[in-house]
Amino acid sequence: MAGDHPAVLTNALIGAPDGTLWIRRAGTDRSSPTTYDVVVDRRGRIVKRVLMARNERVVGLGAGTVYTVATDDDGTSSLRRHEQPR
């Protein structure tokens, strides 16, 4: 149904080496966490939803690894490496 989920952002699709597609969702307000839906098949089945701090976004995916950029209140960005959530 329309309105049940926020819209998908422009340029918000990231493909992972395992064949999944990460889709960044638009937040409902500025305090909303950054949310990614992870899709694994051509039907668009969402297998997990990944929540991050509102100031963090995925910039790359590796084998079992998620690379993010976090920007602090002063505008300083830092690259981070995380184990991919299961």
Protein backbone atom coordinates (compact mmCIF):
# COMPACT_ATOMS: atom_id res chain seq x y z
CA MET A 1 0.00 0.00 0.00
CA ALA A 2 1.16 3.50 -0.72
CA GLY A 3 2.41 5.35 2.31
CA ASP A 4 3.33 2.24 4.32
CA HIS A 5 7.03 2.71 3.61
CA PRO A 6 9.13 5.79 2.86
CA ALA A 7 10.16 6.37 -0.74
CA VAL A 8 13.45 5.11 -2.16
CA LEU A 9 16.12 7.78 -2.55
CA THR A 10 17.74 8.64 -5.90
CA ASN A 11 21.05 6.80 -6.44
CA ALA A 12 20.39 4.66 -3.37
CA LEU A 13 20.98 1.17 -4.81
CA ILE A 14 24.16 -0.71 -3.94
CA GLY A 15 24.92 -4.21 -5.20
CA ALA A 16 26.85 -6.61 -2.97
CA PRO A 17 29.23 -9.40 -4.11
CA ASP A 18 26.80 -12.00 -2.70
CA GLY A 19 24.12 -10.89 -5.18
CA THR A 20 22.00 -8.92 -2.75
CA LEU A 21 20.83 -5.41 -3.46
CA TRP A 22 20.87 -2.79 -0.67
CA ILE A 23 18.24 -0.07 -1.07
CA ARG A 24 18.53 3.08 1.03
CA ARG A 25 15.13 4.33 2.18
CA ALA A 26 14.13 7.93 2.72
CA GLY A 27 13.63 8.81 6.38
CA THR A 28 10.39 10.24 7.66
CA ASP A 29 12.22 13.11 9.38
CA ARG A 30 15.73 14.39 10.12
CA SER A 31 16.03 12.31 13.29
CA SER A 32 15.13 9.04 11.54
CA PRO A 33 17.83 6.37 11.36
CA THR A 34 19.36 5.58 7.98
CA THR A 35 17.53 2.48 6.77
CA TYR A 36 18.48 -0.06 4.10
CA ASP A 37 16.27 -2.85 2.78
CA VAL A 38 18.31 -5.85 1.63
CA VAL A 39 16.82 -7.71 -1.34
CA VAL A 40 17.99 -11.14 -2.50
CA ASP A 41 15.87 -12.18 -5.46
CA ARG A 42 14.24 -10.89 -8.62
CA ARG A 43 10.85 -10.81 -6.94
CA GLY A 44 12.14 -8.05 -4.67
CA ARG A 45 11.83 -10.06 -1.47
CA ILE A 46 13.28 -8.10 1.46
CA VAL A 47 15.23 -10.45 3.71
CA LYS A 48 16.44 -7.94 6.26
CA ARG A 49 16.31 -4.31 7.17
CA VAL A 50 19.51 -2.64 8.38
CA LEU A 51 19.28 0.45 10.60
CA MET A 52 22.20 2.85 11.08
CA ALA A 53 22.70 6.19 12.76
CA ARG A 54 21.03 9.03 10.84
CA ASN A 55 24.45 10.49 9.95
CA GLU A 56 25.83 7.24 8.47
CA ARG A 57 25.39 5.75 4.99
CA VAL A 58 26.70 2.77 3.08
CA VAL A 59 29.31 3.58 0.42
CA GLY A 60 30.45 0.07 -0.46
CA LEU A 61 29.94 -3.62 0.18
CA GLY A 62 32.55 -6.37 0.19
CA ALA A 63 32.57 -10.05 1.03
CA GLY A 64 31.05 -9.97 4.52
CA THR A 65 31.93 -6.29 4.96
CA VAL A 66 29.97 -3.03 4.89
CA TYR A 67 31.83 0.25 4.33
CA THR A 68 30.09 3.37 5.61
CA VAL A 69 30.73 7.09 5.85
CA ALA A 70 29.66 8.88 9.01
CA THR A 71 29.48 12.67 9.12
CA ASP A 72 29.61 14.46 12.47
CA ASP A 73 27.88 17.72 13.38
CA ASP A 74 30.95 19.71 12.24
CA GLY A 75 30.76 18.18 8.76
CA THR A 76 33.80 15.93 9.22
CA SER A 77 33.36 12.56 7.49
CA SER A 78 35.01 9.31 8.44
CA LEU A 79 35.13 5.97 6.66
CA ARG A 80 34.14 2.95 8.74
CA ARG A 81 34.30 -0.78 8.17
CA HIS A 82 31.72 -3.15 9.72
CA GLU A 83 31.04 -6.85 9.58
CA GLN A 84 27.96 -7.39 7.43
CA PRO A 85 24.90 -8.11 9.59
CA ARG A 86 23.47 -11.60 9.24
